[in-house]
Amino acid sequence: MPHPASTLLVVEDDAIVRMLIVDVLEELEYTVLEAADGAEALSYLDNSNTVIDLLMTDKGLPDMDGIELAQKARELRPLLPVLFASGYAENIDAPADMHVIGKPFSIDQLRDKVKSILGH
């Protein structure tokens, strides 16, 4: 069953990891915006014309903590779902209404997690 095309903003400073995540999501027919750091992500979030259905961010970014980015994102877009990707998933003190996926994750895990968050 095709899902309505959702737009995901993927924030990951490792270019190779980011490329892999983007490839997987595009294969699942999502529209993907990419950012290498928090500042680049916020420029998307700050543009009210840009549709974003899910923010997926690495926990550790070069310019700010992923949780800090998520909090700033929520100030701009209060209802935006957030998914943290981290090699230390157990240790992330993510706010209760945000989601976490541990690295390394499989393609299936990523797909299932995104679908469950977006309600497909």
PDB file of N, CA and C in Angstrom:
ATOM      1  N   MET A   1       0.850  -1.181   0.000  1.00  0.00           N
ATOM      2  CA  MET A   1       0.000   0.000   0.000  1.00  0.00           C
ATOM      3  C   MET A   1       0.893   1.240   0.000  1.00  0.00           C
ATOM      4  N   PRO A   2       0.783   2.089  -1.017  1.00  0.00           N
ATOM      5  CA  PRO A   2       1.664   3.258  -1.057  1.00  0.00           C
ATOM      6  C   PRO A   2       1.293   4.255   0.029  1.00  0.00           C
ATOM      7  N   HIS A   3       2.324   4.849   0.624  1.00  0.00           N
ATOM      8  CA  HIS A   3       2.049   5.855   1.651  1.00  0.00           C
ATOM      9  C   HIS A   3       2.120   7.221   0.995  1.00  0.00           C
ATOM     10  N   PRO A   4       1.434   8.204   1.581  1.00  0.00           N
ATOM     11  CA  PRO A   4       1.583   9.552   1.027  1.00  0.00           C
ATOM     12  C   PRO A   4       3.044   9.957   1.185  1.00  0.00           C
ATOM     13  N   ALA A   5       3.615  10.571   0.179  1.00  0.00           N
ATOM     14  CA  ALA A   5       5.038  10.894   0.240  1.00  0.00           C
ATOM     15  C   ALA A   5       5.299  11.841   1.401  1.00  0.00           C
ATOM     16  N   SER A   6       6.110  11.385   2.319  1.00  0.00           N
ATOM     17  CA  SER A   6       6.490  12.221   3.449  1.00  0.00           C
ATOM     18  C   SER A   6       7.893  12.742   3.210  1.00  0.00           C
ATOM     19  N   THR A   7       8.181  13.897   3.797  1.00  0.00           N
ATOM     20  CA  THR A   7       9.506  14.501   3.657  1.00  0.00           C
ATOM     21  C   THR A   7      10.255  14.376   4.971  1.00  0.00           C
ATOM     22  N   LEU A   8      11.454  13.811   4.899  1.00  0.00           N
ATOM     23  CA  LEU A   8      12.294  13.632   6.077  1.00  0.00           C
ATOM     24  C   LEU A   8      13.518  14.523   5.958  1.00  0.00           C
ATOM     25  N   LEU A   9      13.883  15.136   7.070  1.00  0.00           N
ATOM     26  CA  LEU A   9      15.129  15.891   7.134  1.00  0.00           C
ATOM     27  C   LEU A   9      16.132  15.041   7.894  1.00  0.00           C
ATOM     28  N   VAL A  10      17.208  14.630   7.203  1.00  0.00           N
ATOM     29  CA  VAL A  10      18.230  13.770   7.796  1.00  0.00           C
ATOM     30  C   VAL A  10      19.460  14.607   8.131  1.00  0.00           C
ATOM     31  N   VAL A  11      19.816  14.622   9.411  1.00  0.00           N
ATOM     32  CA  VAL A  11      20.959  15.413   9.866  1.00  0.00           C
ATOM     33  C   VAL A  11      22.023  14.444  10.374  1.00  0.00           C
ATOM     34  N   GLU A  12      23.143  14.390   9.674  1.00  0.00           N
ATOM     35  CA  GLU A  12      24.202  13.420   9.979  1.00  0.00           C
ATOM     36  C   GLU A  12      25.500  13.992   9.445  1.00  0.00           C
ATOM     37  N   ASP A  13      26.514  14.135  10.314  1.00  0.00           N
ATOM     38  CA  ASP A  13      27.754  14.773   9.856  1.00  0.00           C
ATOM     39  C   ASP A  13      28.665  13.828   9.087  1.00  0.00           C
ATOM     40  N   ASP A  14      28.465  12.519   9.226  1.00  0.00           N
ATOM     41  CA  ASP A  14      29.271  11.558   8.469  1.00  0.00           C
ATOM     42  C   ASP A  14      28.636  11.390   7.088  1.00  0.00           C
ATOM     43  N   ALA A  15      29.328  11.872   6.056  1.00  0.00           N
ATOM     44  CA  ALA A  15      28.747  11.904   4.704  1.00  0.00           C
ATOM     45  C   ALA A  15      28.357  10.513   4.205  1.00  0.00           C
ATOM     46  N   ILE A  16      29.154   9.503   4.531  1.00  0.00           N
ATOM     47  CA  ILE A  16      28.877   8.149   4.035  1.00  0.00           C
ATOM     48  C   ILE A  16      27.635   7.584   4.708  1.00  0.00           C
ATOM     49  N   VAL A  17      27.556   7.756   6.017  1.00  0.00           N
ATOM     50  CA  VAL A  17      26.385   7.288   6.755  1.00  0.00           C
ATOM     51  C   VAL A  17      25.134   8.019   6.256  1.00  0.00           C
ATOM     52  N   ARG A  18      25.275   9.338   6.064  1.00  0.00           N
ATOM     53  CA  ARG A  18      24.139  10.138   5.593  1.00  0.00           C
ATOM     54  C   ARG A  18      23.666   9.645   4.229  1.00  0.00           C
ATOM     55  N   MET A  19      24.617   9.360   3.343  1.00  0.00           N
ATOM     56  CA  MET A  19      24.272   8.883   2.006  1.00  0.00           C
ATOM     57  C   MET A  19      23.506   7.557   2.076  1.00  0.00           C
ATOM     58  N   LEU A  20      23.946   6.672   2.958  1.00  0.00           N
ATOM     59  CA  LEU A  20      23.279   5.373   3.098  1.00  0.00           C
ATOM     60  C   LEU A  20      21.850   5.546   3.599  1.00  0.00           C
ATOM     61  N   ILE A  21      21.674   6.397   4.609  1.00  0.00           N
ATOM     62  CA  ILE A  21      20.335   6.631   5.161  1.00  0.00           C
ATOM     63  C   ILE A  21      19.434   7.232   4.084  1.00  0.00           C
ATOM     64  N   VAL A  22      19.964   8.210   3.355  1.00  0.00           N
ATOM     65  CA  VAL A  22      19.183   8.876   2.310  1.00  0.00           C
ATOM     66  C   VAL A  22      18.786   7.871   1.229  1.00  0.00           C
ATOM     67  N   ASP A  23      19.735   7.015   0.824  1.00  0.00           N
ATOM     68  CA  ASP A  23      19.440   6.000  -0.199  1.00  0.00           C
ATOM     69  C   ASP A  23      18.295   5.097   0.237  1.00  0.00           C
ATOM     70  N   VAL A  24      18.356   4.639   1.484  1.00  0.00           N
ATOM     71  CA  VAL A  24      17.318   3.745   2.008  1.00  0.00           C
ATOM     72  C   VAL A  24      15.962   4.449   1.993  1.00  0.00           C
ATOM     73  N   LEU A  25      15.939   5.673   2.486  1.00  0.00           N
ATOM     74  CA  LEU A  25      14.670   6.397   2.587  1.00  0.00           C
ATOM     75  C   LEU A  25      14.103   6.737   1.209  1.00  0.00           C
ATOM     76  N   GLU A  26      14.994   7.086   0.275  1.00  0.00           N
ATOM     77  CA  GLU A  26      14.509   7.397  -1.076  1.00  0.00           C
ATOM     78  C   GLU A  26      13.976   6.153  -1.758  1.00  0.00           C
ATOM     79  N   GLU A  27      14.584   4.992  -1.477  1.00  0.00           N
ATOM     80  CA  GLU A  27      14.075   3.746  -2.030  1.00  0.00           C
ATOM     81  C   GLU A  27      12.679   3.445  -1.504  1.00  0.00           C
ATOM     82  N   LEU A  28      12.410   3.906  -0.280  1.00  0.00           N
ATOM     83  CA  LEU A  28      11.086   3.727   0.321  1.00  0.00           C
ATOM     84  C   LEU A  28      10.122   4.824  -0.148  1.00  0.00           C
ATOM     85  N   GLU A  29      10.594   5.631  -1.101  1.00  0.00           N
ATOM     86  CA  GLU A  29       9.797   6.678  -1.732  1.00  0.00           C
ATOM     87  C   GLU A  29       9.487   7.858  -0.825  1.00  0.00           C
ATOM     88  N   TYR A  30      10.375   8.107   0.125  1.00  0.00           N
ATOM     89  CA  TYR A  30      10.270   9.330   0.910  1.00  0.00           C
ATOM     90  C   TYR A  30      11.054  10.412   0.183  1.00  0.00           C
ATOM     91  N   THR A  31      10.658  11.645   0.402  1.00  0.00           N
ATOM     92  CA  THR A  31      11.452  12.783  -0.058  1.00  0.00           C
ATOM     93  C   THR A  31      12.432  13.088   1.069  1.00  0.00           C
ATOM     94  N   VAL A  32      13.706  13.284   0.737  1.00  0.00           N
ATOM     95  CA  VAL A  32      14.716  13.464   1.775  1.00  0.00           C
ATOM     96  C   VAL A  32      15.485  14.763   1.588  1.00  0.00           C
ATOM     97  N   LEU A  33      15.562  15.532   2.662  1.00  0.00           N
ATOM     98  CA  LEU A  33      16.418  16.715   2.720  1.00  0.00           C
ATOM     99  C   LEU A  33      17.618  16.328   3.573  1.00  0.00           C
ATOM    100  N   GLU A  34      18.791  16.816   3.208  1.00  0.00           N
ATOM    101  CA  GLU A  34      20.003  16.434   3.938  1.00  0.00           C
ATOM    102  C   GLU A  34      20.664  17.644   4.576  1.00  0.00           C
ATOM    103  N   ALA A  35      21.202  17.419   5.776  1.00  0.00           N
ATOM    104  CA  ALA A  35      21.989  18.452   6.435  1.00  0.00           C
ATOM    105  C   ALA A  35      23.179  17.794   7.116  1.00  0.00           C
ATOM    106  N   ALA A  36      24.335  18.470   7.065  1.00  0.00           N
ATOM    107  CA  ALA A  36      25.551  17.922   7.665  1.00  0.00           C
ATOM    108  C   ALA A  36      25.737  18.386   9.107  1.00  0.00           C
ATOM    109  N   ASP A  37      24.974  19.411   9.514  1.00  0.00           N
ATOM    110  CA  ASP A  37      25.118  19.904  10.886  1.00  0.00           C
ATOM    111  C   ASP A  37      23.836  20.610  11.311  1.00  0.00           C
ATOM    112  N   GLY A  38      23.818  21.041  12.550  1.00  0.00           N
ATOM    113  CA  GLY A  38      22.627  21.664  13.103  1.00  0.00           C
ATOM    114  C   GLY A  38      22.241  22.951  12.399  1.00  0.00           C
ATOM    115  N   ALA A  39      23.241  23.759  12.062  1.00  0.00           N
ATOM    116  CA  ALA A  39      22.953  25.049  11.421  1.00  0.00           C
ATOM    117  C   ALA A  39      22.247  24.843  10.083  1.00  0.00           C
ATOM    118  N   GLU A  40      22.745  23.875   9.304  1.00  0.00           N
ATOM    119  CA  GLU A  40      22.140  23.591   7.997  1.00  0.00           C
ATOM    120  C   GLU A  40      20.714  23.064   8.196  1.00  0.00           C
ATOM    121  N   ALA A  41      20.526  22.215   9.204  1.00  0.00           N
ATOM    122  CA  ALA A  41      19.196  21.678   9.496  1.00  0.00           C
ATOM    123  C   ALA A  41      18.233  22.801   9.865  1.00  0.00           C
ATOM    124  N   LEU A  42      18.705  23.742  10.685  1.00  0.00           N
ATOM    125  CA  LEU A  42      17.839  24.831  11.131  1.00  0.00           C
ATOM    126  C   LEU A  42      17.445  25.758   9.978  1.00  0.00           C
ATOM    127  N   SER A  43      18.303  25.865   8.964  1.00  0.00           N
ATOM    128  CA  SER A  43      17.932  26.707   7.828  1.00  0.00           C
ATOM    129  C   SER A  43      16.737  26.105   7.090  1.00  0.00           C
ATOM    130  N   TYR A  44      16.650  24.769   7.040  1.00  0.00           N
ATOM    131  CA  TYR A  44      15.455  24.116   6.473  1.00  0.00           C
ATOM    132  C   TYR A  44      14.245  24.331   7.386  1.00  0.00           C
ATOM    133  N   LEU A  45      14.465  24.094   8.679  1.00  0.00           N
ATOM    134  CA  LEU A  45      13.361  24.161   9.644  1.00  0.00           C
ATOM    135  C   LEU A  45      12.783  25.565   9.759  1.00  0.00           C
ATOM    136  N   ASP A  46      13.644  26.531   9.555  1.00  0.00           N
ATOM    137  CA  ASP A  46      13.254  27.929   9.707  1.00  0.00           C
ATOM    138  C   ASP A  46      12.444  28.434   8.511  1.00  0.00           C
ATOM    139  N   ASN A  47      12.499  27.698   7.405  1.00  0.00           N
ATOM    140  CA  ASN A  47      11.782  28.111   6.200  1.00  0.00           C
ATOM    141  C   ASN A  47      10.386  27.497   6.232  1.00  0.00           C
ATOM    142  N   SER A  48       9.384  28.334   6.479  1.00  0.00           N
ATOM    143  CA  SER A  48       8.035  27.806   6.664  1.00  0.00           C
ATOM    144  C   SER A  48       7.461  27.200   5.382  1.00  0.00           C
ATOM    145  N   ASN A  49       8.088  27.471   4.234  1.00  0.00           N
ATOM    146  CA  ASN A  49       7.624  26.867   2.979  1.00  0.00           C
ATOM    147  C   ASN A  49       8.120  25.438   2.795  1.00  0.00           C
ATOM    148  N   THR A  50       9.098  25.034   3.604  1.00  0.00           N
ATOM    149  CA  THR A  50       9.665  23.693   3.477  1.00  0.00           C
ATOM    150  C   THR A  50       8.838  22.712   4.291  1.00  0.00           C
ATOM    151  N   VAL A  51       8.288  21.715   3.612  1.00  0.00           N
ATOM    152  CA  VAL A  51       7.521  20.671   4.304  1.00  0.00           C
ATOM    153  C   VAL A  51       8.498  19.689   4.930  1.00  0.00           C
ATOM    154  N   ILE A  52       8.350  19.419   6.226  1.00  0.00           N
ATOM    155  CA  ILE A  52       9.164  18.403   6.902  1.00  0.00           C
ATOM    156  C   ILE A  52       8.228  17.606   7.801  1.00  0.00           C
ATOM    157  N   ASP A  53       8.167  16.297   7.563  1.00  0.00           N
ATOM    158  CA  ASP A  53       7.269  15.436   8.333  1.00  0.00           C
ATOM    159  C   ASP A  53       7.984  14.720   9.467  1.00  0.00           C
ATOM    160  N   LEU A  54       9.317  14.637   9.359  1.00  0.00           N
ATOM    161  CA  LEU A  54      10.090  13.945  10.388  1.00  0.00           C
ATOM    162  C   LEU A  54      11.519  14.471  10.368  1.00  0.00           C
ATOM    163  N   LEU A  55      12.049  14.769  11.545  1.00  0.00           N
ATOM    164  CA  LEU A  55      13.456  15.144  11.686  1.00  0.00           C
ATOM    165  C   LEU A  55      14.196  13.929  12.209  1.00  0.00           C
ATOM    166  N   MET A  56      15.170  13.442  11.435  1.00  0.00           N
ATOM    167  CA  MET A  56      16.015  12.343  11.893  1.00  0.00           C
ATOM    168  C   MET A  56      17.415  12.905  12.071  1.00  0.00           C
ATOM    169  N   THR A  57      17.902  12.914  13.297  1.00  0.00           N
ATOM    170  CA  THR A  57      19.207  13.529  13.541  1.00  0.00           C
ATOM    171  C   THR A  57      20.130  12.627  14.326  1.00  0.00           C
ATOM    172  N   ASP A  58      21.405  12.727  13.989  1.00  0.00           N
ATOM    173  CA  ASP A  58      22.434  12.068  14.764  1.00  0.00           C
ATOM    174  C   ASP A  58      22.492  12.767  16.124  1.00  0.00           C
ATOM    175  N   LYS A  59      22.871  12.024  17.140  1.00  0.00           N
ATOM    176  CA  LYS A  59      22.961  12.607  18.478  1.00  0.00           C
ATOM    177  C   LYS A  59      24.140  13.573  18.549  1.00  0.00           C
ATOM    178  N   GLY A  60      25.274  13.176  17.986  1.00  0.00           N
ATOM    179  CA  GLY A  60      26.466  14.015  18.039  1.00  0.00           C
ATOM    180  C   GLY A  60      26.680  14.736  16.728  1.00  0.00           C
ATOM    181  N   LEU A  61      26.548  16.052  16.751  1.00  0.00           N
ATOM    182  CA  LEU A  61      26.791  16.858  15.549  1.00  0.00           C
ATOM    183  C   LEU A  61      27.959  17.788  15.823  1.00  0.00           C
ATOM    184  N   PRO A  62      28.651  18.240  14.773  1.00  0.00           N
ATOM    185  CA  PRO A  62      29.843  19.059  15.004  1.00  0.00           C
ATOM    186  C   PRO A  62      29.563  20.389  15.704  1.00  0.00           C
ATOM    187  N   ASP A  63      28.366  20.947  15.475  1.00  0.00           N
ATOM    188  CA  ASP A  63      28.130  22.295  16.005  1.00  0.00           C
ATOM    189  C   ASP A  63      27.160  22.355  17.178  1.00  0.00           C
ATOM    190  N   MET A  64      26.381  21.285  17.396  1.00  0.00           N
ATOM    191  CA  MET A  64      25.473  21.275  18.546  1.00  0.00           C
ATOM    192  C   MET A  64      25.030  19.852  18.821  1.00  0.00           C
ATOM    193  N   ASP A  65      24.508  19.636  20.004  1.00  0.00           N
ATOM    194  CA  ASP A  65      23.992  18.325  20.376  1.00  0.00           C
ATOM    195  C   ASP A  65      22.681  18.084  19.635  1.00  0.00           C
ATOM    196  N   GLY A  66      22.449  16.832  19.239  1.00  0.00           N
ATOM    197  CA  GLY A  66      21.221  16.511  18.523  1.00  0.00           C
ATOM    198  C   GLY A  66      19.967  16.864  19.300  1.00  0.00           C
ATOM    199  N   ILE A  67      20.033  16.719  20.622  1.00  0.00           N
ATOM    200  CA  ILE A  67      18.863  17.036  21.447  1.00  0.00           C
ATOM    201  C   ILE A  67      18.621  18.551  21.442  1.00  0.00           C
ATOM    202  N   GLU A  68      19.703  19.305  21.457  1.00  0.00           N
ATOM    203  CA  GLU A  68      19.593  20.773  21.373  1.00  0.00           C
ATOM    204  C   GLU A  68      18.938  21.158  20.043  1.00  0.00           C
ATOM    205  N   LEU A  69      19.384  20.504  18.959  1.00  0.00           N
ATOM    206  CA  LEU A  69      18.795  20.754  17.644  1.00  0.00           C
ATOM    207  C   LEU A  69      17.300  20.426  17.672  1.00  0.00           C
ATOM    208  N   ALA A  70      16.960  19.294  18.265  1.00  0.00           N
ATOM    209  CA  ALA A  70      15.551  18.882  18.321  1.00  0.00           C
ATOM    210  C   ALA A  70      14.704  19.901  19.080  1.00  0.00           C
ATOM    211  N   GLN A  71      15.267  20.429  20.168  1.00  0.00           N
ATOM    212  CA  GLN A  71      14.523  21.414  20.952  1.00  0.00           C
ATOM    213  C   GLN A  71      14.308  22.700  20.153  1.00  0.00           C
ATOM    214  N   LYS A  72      15.336  23.106  19.399  1.00  0.00           N
ATOM    215  CA  LYS A  72      15.195  24.294  18.548  1.00  0.00           C
ATOM    216  C   LYS A  72      14.179  24.029  17.439  1.00  0.00           C
ATOM    217  N   ALA A  73      14.221  22.805  16.897  1.00  0.00           N
ATOM    218  CA  ALA A  73      13.272  22.424  15.843  1.00  0.00           C
ATOM    219  C   ALA A  73      11.846  22.510  16.365  1.00  0.00           C
ATOM    220  N   ARG A  74      11.639  22.064  17.605  1.00  0.00           N
ATOM    221  CA  ARG A  74      10.302  22.073  18.197  1.00  0.00           C
ATOM    222  C   ARG A  74       9.813  23.491  18.490  1.00  0.00           C
ATOM    223  N   GLU A  75      10.742  24.413  18.735  1.00  0.00           N
ATOM    224  CA  GLU A  75      10.329  25.811  18.916  1.00  0.00           C
ATOM    225  C   GLU A  75       9.755  26.345  17.602  1.00  0.00           C
ATOM    226  N   LEU A  76      10.365  25.906  16.491  1.00  0.00           N
ATOM    227  CA  LEU A  76       9.909  26.367  15.174  1.00  0.00           C
ATOM    228  C   LEU A  76       8.695  25.576  14.690  1.00  0.00           C
ATOM    229  N   ARG A  77       8.688  24.282  15.017  1.00  0.00           N
ATOM    230  CA  ARG A  77       7.632  23.374  14.544  1.00  0.00           C
ATOM    231  C   ARG A  77       7.217  22.471  15.704  1.00  0.00           C
ATOM    232  N   PRO A  78       6.291  22.936  16.512  1.00  0.00           N
ATOM    233  CA  PRO A  78       5.969  22.251  17.780  1.00  0.00           C
ATOM    234  C   PRO A  78       5.537  20.793  17.635  1.00  0.00           C
ATOM    235  N   LEU A  79       4.962  20.409  16.499  1.00  0.00           N
ATOM    236  CA  LEU A  79       4.431  19.044  16.372  1.00  0.00           C
ATOM    237  C   LEU A  79       5.357  18.114  15.595  1.00  0.00           C
ATOM    238  N   LEU A  80       6.557  18.593  15.255  1.00  0.00           N
ATOM    239  CA  LEU A  80       7.459  17.791  14.411  1.00  0.00           C
ATOM    240  C   LEU A  80       7.938  16.536  15.124  1.00  0.00           C
ATOM    241  N   PRO A  81       7.710  15.342  14.534  1.00  0.00           N
ATOM    242  CA  PRO A  81       8.288  14.128  15.127  1.00  0.00           C
ATOM    243  C   PRO A  81       9.813  14.143  14.969  1.00  0.00           C
ATOM    244  N   VAL A  82      10.497  13.624  15.987  1.00  0.00           N
ATOM    245  CA  VAL A  82      11.961  13.606  15.980  1.00  0.00           C
ATOM    246  C   VAL A  82      12.448  12.181  16.241  1.00  0.00           C
ATOM    247  N   LEU A  83      13.431  11.755  15.441  1.00  0.00           N
ATOM    248  CA  LEU A  83      14.063  10.442  15.608  1.00  0.00           C
ATOM    249  C   LEU A  83      15.565  10.664  15.768  1.00  0.00           C
ATOM    250  N   PHE A  84      16.103  10.239  16.916  1.00  0.00           N
ATOM    251  CA  PHE A  84      17.549  10.319  17.136  1.00  0.00           C
ATOM    252  C   PHE A  84      18.201   9.019  16.698  1.00  0.00           C
ATOM    253  N   ALA A  85      19.326   9.127  16.002  1.00  0.00           N
ATOM    254  CA  ALA A  85      20.133   7.951  15.681  1.00  0.00           C
ATOM    255  C   ALA A  85      21.398   8.057  16.517  1.00  0.00           C
ATOM    256  N   SER A  86      21.707   7.004  17.256  1.00  0.00           N
ATOM    257  CA  SER A  86      22.887   7.076  18.104  1.00  0.00           C
ATOM    258  C   SER A  86      23.482   5.712  18.354  1.00  0.00           C
ATOM    259  N   GLY A  87      24.807   5.684  18.410  1.00  0.00           N
ATOM    260  CA  GLY A  87      25.500   4.465  18.797  1.00  0.00           C
ATOM    261  C   GLY A  87      25.342   4.192  20.278  1.00  0.00           C
ATOM    262  N   TYR A  88      24.778   5.152  20.986  1.00  0.00           N
ATOM    263  CA  TYR A  88      24.596   5.005  22.426  1.00  0.00           C
ATOM    264  C   TYR A  88      23.127   5.188  22.767  1.00  0.00           C
ATOM    265  N   ALA A  89      22.270   4.472  22.035  1.00  0.00           N
ATOM    266  CA  ALA A  89      20.823   4.696  22.149  1.00  0.00           C
ATOM    267  C   ALA A  89      20.323   4.561  23.581  1.00  0.00           C
ATOM    268  N   GLU A  90      20.882   3.601  24.316  1.00  0.00           N
ATOM    269  CA  GLU A  90      20.385   3.351  25.671  1.00  0.00           C
ATOM    270  C   GLU A  90      20.645   4.569  26.549  1.00  0.00           C
ATOM    271  N   ASN A  91      21.688   5.311  26.223  1.00  0.00           N
ATOM    272  CA  ASN A  91      22.088   6.400  27.104  1.00  0.00           C
ATOM    273  C   ASN A  91      21.466   7.741  26.728  1.00  0.00           C
ATOM    274  N   ILE A  92      20.694   7.764  25.662  1.00  0.00           N
ATOM    275  CA  ILE A  92      20.112   9.051  25.260  1.00  0.00           C
ATOM    276  C   ILE A  92      18.945   9.368  26.163  1.00  0.00           C
ATOM    277  N   ASP A  93      19.005  10.527  26.751  1.00  0.00           N
ATOM    278  CA  ASP A  93      17.903  10.972  27.584  1.00  0.00           C
ATOM    279  C   ASP A  93      16.960  11.762  26.684  1.00  0.00           C
ATOM    280  N   ALA A  94      16.322  11.055  25.758  1.00  0.00           N
ATOM    281  CA  ALA A  94      15.461  11.743  24.800  1.00  0.00           C
ATOM    282  C   ALA A  94      14.155  12.149  25.471  1.00  0.00           C
ATOM    283  N   PRO A  95      13.664  13.331  25.137  1.00  0.00           N
ATOM    284  CA  PRO A  95      12.355  13.725  25.652  1.00  0.00           C
ATOM    285  C   PRO A  95      11.314  12.656  25.327  1.00  0.00           C
ATOM    286  N   ALA A  96      10.320  12.527  26.174  1.00  0.00           N
ATOM    287  CA  ALA A  96       9.369  11.414  26.102  1.00  0.00           C
ATOM    288  C   ALA A  96       8.661  11.301  24.757  1.00  0.00           C
ATOM    289  N   ASP A  97       8.453  12.432  24.093  1.00  0.00           N
ATOM    290  CA  ASP A  97       7.705  12.368  22.833  1.00  0.00           C
ATOM    291  C   ASP A  97       8.625  12.294  21.621  1.00  0.00           C
ATOM    292  N   MET A  98       9.892  11.930  21.849  1.00  0.00           N
ATOM    293  CA  MET A  98      10.823  11.766  20.732  1.00  0.00           C
ATOM    294  C   MET A  98      11.273  10.309  20.673  1.00  0.00           C
ATOM    295  N   HIS A  99      11.801   9.911  19.525  1.00  0.00           N
ATOM    296  CA  HIS A  99      12.123   8.512  19.280  1.00  0.00           C
ATOM    297  C   HIS A  99      13.634   8.321  19.131  1.00  0.00           C
ATOM    298  N   VAL A 100      14.088   7.090  19.378  1.00  0.00           N
ATOM    299  CA  VAL A 100      15.521   6.787  19.265  1.00  0.00           C
ATOM    300  C   VAL A 100      15.700   5.489  18.480  1.00  0.00           C
ATOM    301  N   ILE A 101      16.690   5.459  17.609  1.00  0.00           N
ATOM    302  CA  ILE A 101      17.095   4.220  16.946  1.00  0.00           C
ATOM    303  C   ILE A 101      18.599   4.062  17.185  1.00  0.00           C
ATOM    304  N   GLY A 102      19.016   2.875  17.588  1.00  0.00           N
ATOM    305  CA  GLY A 102      20.433   2.642  17.881  1.00  0.00           C
ATOM    306  C   GLY A 102      21.224   2.347  16.620  1.00  0.00           C
ATOM    307  N   LYS A 103      22.437   2.866  16.569  1.00  0.00           N
ATOM    308  CA  LYS A 103      23.361   2.544  15.467  1.00  0.00           C
ATOM    309  C   LYS A 103      24.254   1.402  15.927  1.00  0.00           C
ATOM    310  N   PRO A 104      24.649   0.509  15.070  1.00  0.00           N
ATOM    311  CA  PRO A 104      24.203   0.440  13.673  1.00  0.00           C
ATOM    312  C   PRO A 104      22.788  -0.137  13.595  1.00  0.00           C
ATOM    313  N   PHE A 105      21.991   0.357  12.662  1.00  0.00           N
ATOM    314  CA  PHE A 105      20.651  -0.203  12.482  1.00  0.00           C
ATOM    315  C   PHE A 105      20.575  -0.810  11.092  1.00  0.00           C
ATOM    316  N   SER A 106      19.686  -1.780  10.943  1.00  0.00           N
ATOM    317  CA  SER A 106      19.499  -2.399   9.632  1.00  0.00           C
ATOM    318  C   SER A 106      18.522  -1.549   8.823  1.00  0.00           C
ATOM    319  N   ILE A 107      18.518  -1.796   7.539  1.00  0.00           N
ATOM    320  CA  ILE A 107      17.585  -1.105   6.649  1.00  0.00           C
ATOM    321  C   ILE A 107      16.150  -1.367   7.105  1.00  0.00           C
ATOM    322  N   ASP A 108      15.874  -2.612   7.481  1.00  0.00           N
ATOM    323  CA  ASP A 108      14.520  -2.967   7.922  1.00  0.00           C
ATOM    324  C   ASP A 108      14.140  -2.229   9.199  1.00  0.00           C
ATOM    325  N   GLN A 109      15.093  -2.128  10.129  1.00  0.00           N
ATOM    326  CA  GLN A 109      14.813  -1.423  11.385  1.00  0.00           C
ATOM    327  C   GLN A 109      14.491   0.044  11.102  1.00  0.00           C
ATOM    328  N   LEU A 110      15.281   0.642  10.209  1.00  0.00           N
ATOM    329  CA  LEU A 110      15.064   2.046   9.876  1.00  0.00           C
ATOM    330  C   LEU A 110      13.693   2.224   9.226  1.00  0.00           C
ATOM    331  N   ARG A 111      13.396   1.357   8.271  1.00  0.00           N
ATOM    332  CA  ARG A 111      12.107   1.446   7.574  1.00  0.00           C
ATOM    333  C   ARG A 111      10.946   1.315   8.555  1.00  0.00           C
ATOM    334  N   ASP A 112      11.025   0.303   9.427  1.00  0.00           N
ATOM    335  CA  ASP A 112       9.927   0.054  10.368  1.00  0.00           C
ATOM    336  C   ASP A 112       9.758   1.211  11.344  1.00  0.00           C
ATOM    337  N   LYS A 113      10.893   1.758  11.794  1.00  0.00           N
ATOM    338  CA  LYS A 113      10.853   2.851  12.768  1.00  0.00           C
ATOM    339  C   LYS A 113      10.197   4.088  12.140  1.00  0.00           C
ATOM    340  N   VAL A 114      10.646   4.424  10.928  1.00  0.00           N
ATOM    341  CA  VAL A 114      10.105   5.607  10.259  1.00  0.00           C
ATOM    342  C   VAL A 114       8.617   5.419   9.996  1.00  0.00           C
ATOM    343  N   LYS A 115       8.246   4.231   9.520  1.00  0.00           N
ATOM    344  CA  LYS A 115       6.825   3.977   9.244  1.00  0.00           C
ATOM    345  C   LYS A 115       5.984   4.065  10.511  1.00  0.00           C
ATOM    346  N   SER A 116       6.518   3.543  11.605  1.00  0.00           N
ATOM    347  CA  SER A 116       5.735   3.574  12.854  1.00  0.00           C
ATOM    348  C   SER A 116       5.565   5.009  13.345  1.00  0.00           C
ATOM    349  N   ILE A 117       6.603   5.834  13.183  1.00  0.00           N
ATOM    350  CA  ILE A 117       6.503   7.222  13.639  1.00  0.00           C
ATOM    351  C   ILE A 117       5.522   8.004  12.769  1.00  0.00           C
ATOM    352  N   LEU A 118       5.589   7.767  11.459  1.00  0.00           N
ATOM    353  CA  LEU A 118       4.738   8.519  10.545  1.00  0.00           C
ATOM    354  C   LEU A 118       3.332   7.916  10.444  1.00  0.00           C
ATOM    355  N   GLY A 119       3.155   6.761  11.071  1.00  0.00           N
ATOM    356  CA  GLY A 119       1.828   6.151  11.114  1.00  0.00           C
ATOM    357  C   GLY A 119       1.378   5.523   9.820  1.00  0.00           C
ATOM    358  N   HIS A 120       2.336   4.948   9.064  1.00  0.00           N
ATOM    359  CA  HIS A 120       1.963   4.264   7.815  1.00  0.00           C
ATOM    360  C   HIS A 120       1.796   2.779   8.079  1.00  0.00           C
TER     361      HIS A 120
END
